[in-house]
Amino acid sequence: QVQLVESGGGSVQAGGSLRLSCEASGYVYTGGCMAWFRQSPGKRREGVASIHTGTNATFYDASVKGRFTISQANAGNTAFLQMNGLNSDDAGTYYCGRGSGAGGTCPPLDPIDYHYWGQGTQVSVSS
């Protein structure tokens, strides 16, 4: 079992920045994938970014590429999401997910491929 705890959410003005953190505990091994997803009311959960904890390979959804940066620390036990240039489309609840990373890359940003989830952290963006 893996437990994930997100933190760092908050309210910012459009154009502002936030840094989210995700702490993993339990059966955490190097070589898995950590990813960030977000969900707004009435919408499905969508992938934002992923990182392979063994190879450090990253992937970003087109909507955040160039603005968000995913990183890891503590041998993959911690994942970060630096979010710059926030806009109203970025608002929602952000979830950290953990999945397998066979082959050195992470699966596509589909929630079905991530087996462990945190409780989420809220991000609000005001104009």
Protein backbone atom coordinates (compact mmCIF):
# COMPACT_ATOMS: atom_id res chain seq x y z
CA GLN A 1 0.00 0.00 0.00
CA VAL A 2 1.06 3.56 -0.73
CA GLN A 3 -0.26 6.65 0.98
CA LEU A 4 -0.09 10.03 -0.74
CA VAL A 5 -0.59 13.44 0.84
CA GLU A 6 -0.79 16.62 -1.22
CA SER A 7 -0.19 20.14 0.02
CA GLY A 8 0.45 23.63 -1.33
CA GLY A 9 -2.88 24.55 -2.83
CA GLY A 10 -4.41 27.97 -2.33
CA SER A 11 -5.90 31.02 -3.99
CA VAL A 12 -3.93 33.17 -6.40
CA GLN A 13 -4.60 35.86 -8.93
CA ALA A 14 -4.35 35.12 -12.61
CA GLY A 15 -0.72 35.09 -13.66
CA GLY A 16 0.42 33.98 -10.23
CA SER A 17 2.28 30.87 -9.12
CA LEU A 18 1.84 27.98 -6.73
CA ARG A 19 3.98 24.99 -5.82
CA LEU A 20 2.25 21.75 -4.94
CA SER A 21 3.91 18.93 -3.02
CA CYS A 22 3.05 15.26 -2.73
CA GLU A 23 4.55 13.06 -0.04
CA ALA A 24 4.45 9.30 -0.54
CA SER A 25 4.81 6.71 2.22
CA GLY A 26 4.38 2.99 2.58
CA TYR A 27 5.61 0.60 -0.10
CA VAL A 28 7.38 3.17 -2.29
CA TYR A 29 9.98 1.92 -4.74
CA THR A 30 12.21 3.70 -7.22
CA GLY A 31 11.04 3.13 -10.75
CA GLY A 32 7.39 3.96 -10.38
CA CYS A 33 5.60 7.03 -11.68
CA MET A 34 4.23 10.03 -9.87
CA ALA A 35 1.69 12.20 -11.63
CA TRP A 36 -0.54 15.18 -11.06
CA PHE A 37 -4.14 15.27 -12.13
CA ARG A 38 -6.82 17.89 -11.65
CA GLN A 39 -10.57 17.89 -11.53
CA SER A 40 -13.19 20.63 -11.64
CA PRO A 41 -16.83 20.20 -10.59
CA GLY A 42 -18.77 18.35 -13.25
CA LYS A 43 -15.67 17.43 -15.21
CA ARG A 44 -13.64 14.26 -15.33
CA ARG A 45 -10.20 13.99 -13.79
CA GLU A 46 -7.55 15.05 -16.29
CA GLY A 47 -3.81 14.45 -16.33
CA VAL A 48 -1.45 17.38 -15.95
CA ALA A 49 2.08 15.98 -15.70
CA SER A 50 3.99 12.82 -14.84
CA ILE A 51 7.52 11.90 -13.83
CA HIS A 52 9.28 8.55 -13.76
CA THR A 53 11.06 8.25 -10.42
CA GLY A 54 13.84 6.10 -11.88
CA THR A 55 14.69 7.83 -15.18
CA ASN A 56 13.31 11.30 -14.34
CA ALA A 57 11.47 11.28 -17.68
CA THR A 58 8.64 13.80 -17.67
CA PHE A 59 5.49 14.33 -19.68
CA TYR A 60 3.12 17.28 -19.75
CA ASP A 61 -0.36 17.82 -21.03
CA ALA A 62 -0.35 20.40 -23.82
CA SER A 63 -2.45 22.78 -21.74
CA VAL A 64 0.32 23.26 -19.16
CA LYS A 65 3.50 22.70 -21.14
CA GLY A 66 5.90 25.59 -20.66
CA ARG A 67 4.08 26.84 -17.56
CA PHE A 68 4.18 23.88 -15.16
CA THR A 69 7.19 21.87 -14.04
CA ILE A 70 7.07 18.48 -12.32
CA SER A 71 10.01 17.31 -10.26
CA GLN A 72 10.83 14.75 -7.61
CA ALA A 73 12.99 14.38 -4.52
CA ASN A 74 13.83 11.83 -1.85
CA ALA A 75 14.22 8.94 -4.31
CA GLY A 76 10.73 9.45 -5.63
CA ASN A 77 9.01 9.75 -2.29
CA THR A 78 8.19 13.40 -2.96
CA ALA A 79 6.82 15.01 -6.09
CA PHE A 80 6.39 18.70 -6.80
CA LEU A 81 4.39 20.67 -9.30
CA GLN A 82 5.58 24.22 -9.89
CA MET A 83 2.74 26.12 -11.53
CA ASN A 84 3.43 29.48 -13.15
CA GLY A 85 1.21 31.74 -15.21
CA LEU A 86 -1.96 30.35 -13.65
CA ASN A 87 -5.28 31.12 -15.31
CA SER A 88 -8.90 30.30 -14.57
CA ASP A 89 -8.70 27.06 -16.56
CA ASP A 90 -6.13 25.78 -14.07
CA ALA A 91 -8.50 26.00 -11.11
CA GLY A 92 -9.70 22.78 -9.50
CA THR A 93 -8.71 20.08 -7.10
CA TYR A 94 -5.25 18.72 -7.79
CA TYR A 95 -4.54 15.08 -7.03
CA CYS A 96 -1.29 13.22 -6.82
CA GLY A 97 -1.29 9.70 -8.24
CA ARG A 98 1.21 6.85 -8.13
CA GLY A 99 1.49 4.16 -10.78
CA SER A 100 3.92 1.67 -12.22
CA GLY A 101 6.72 2.71 -14.57
CA ALA A 102 7.67 -0.35 -16.57
CA GLY A 103 10.13 0.35 -19.37
CA GLY A 104 11.42 3.58 -17.87
CA THR A 105 8.52 5.75 -18.96
CA CYS A 106 5.19 6.57 -17.45
CA PRO A 107 1.87 5.46 -18.89
CA PRO A 108 -0.32 8.06 -20.58
CA LEU A 109 -2.00 10.50 -18.24
CA ASP A 110 -5.07 8.38 -17.73
CA PRO A 111 -6.39 7.95 -14.18
CA ILE A 112 -6.97 4.24 -14.79
CA ASP A 113 -3.20 3.66 -14.86
CA TYR A 114 -2.59 5.19 -11.45
CA HIS A 115 -3.50 2.99 -8.53
CA TYR A 116 -2.92 5.20 -5.50
CA TRP A 117 -4.29 8.66 -4.87
CA GLY A 118 -4.05 11.46 -2.36
CA GLN A 119 -6.97 13.39 -0.97
CA GLY A 120 -6.39 16.40 -3.21
CA THR A 121 -5.50 20.04 -2.70
CA GLN A 122 -7.60 22.94 -3.93
CA VAL A 123 -6.35 25.57 -6.38
CA SER A 124 -8.38 28.71 -7.01
CA VAL A 125 -7.49 31.38 -9.55
CA SER A 126 -9.13 34.79 -9.53
CA SER A 127 -9.06 37.27 -12.38
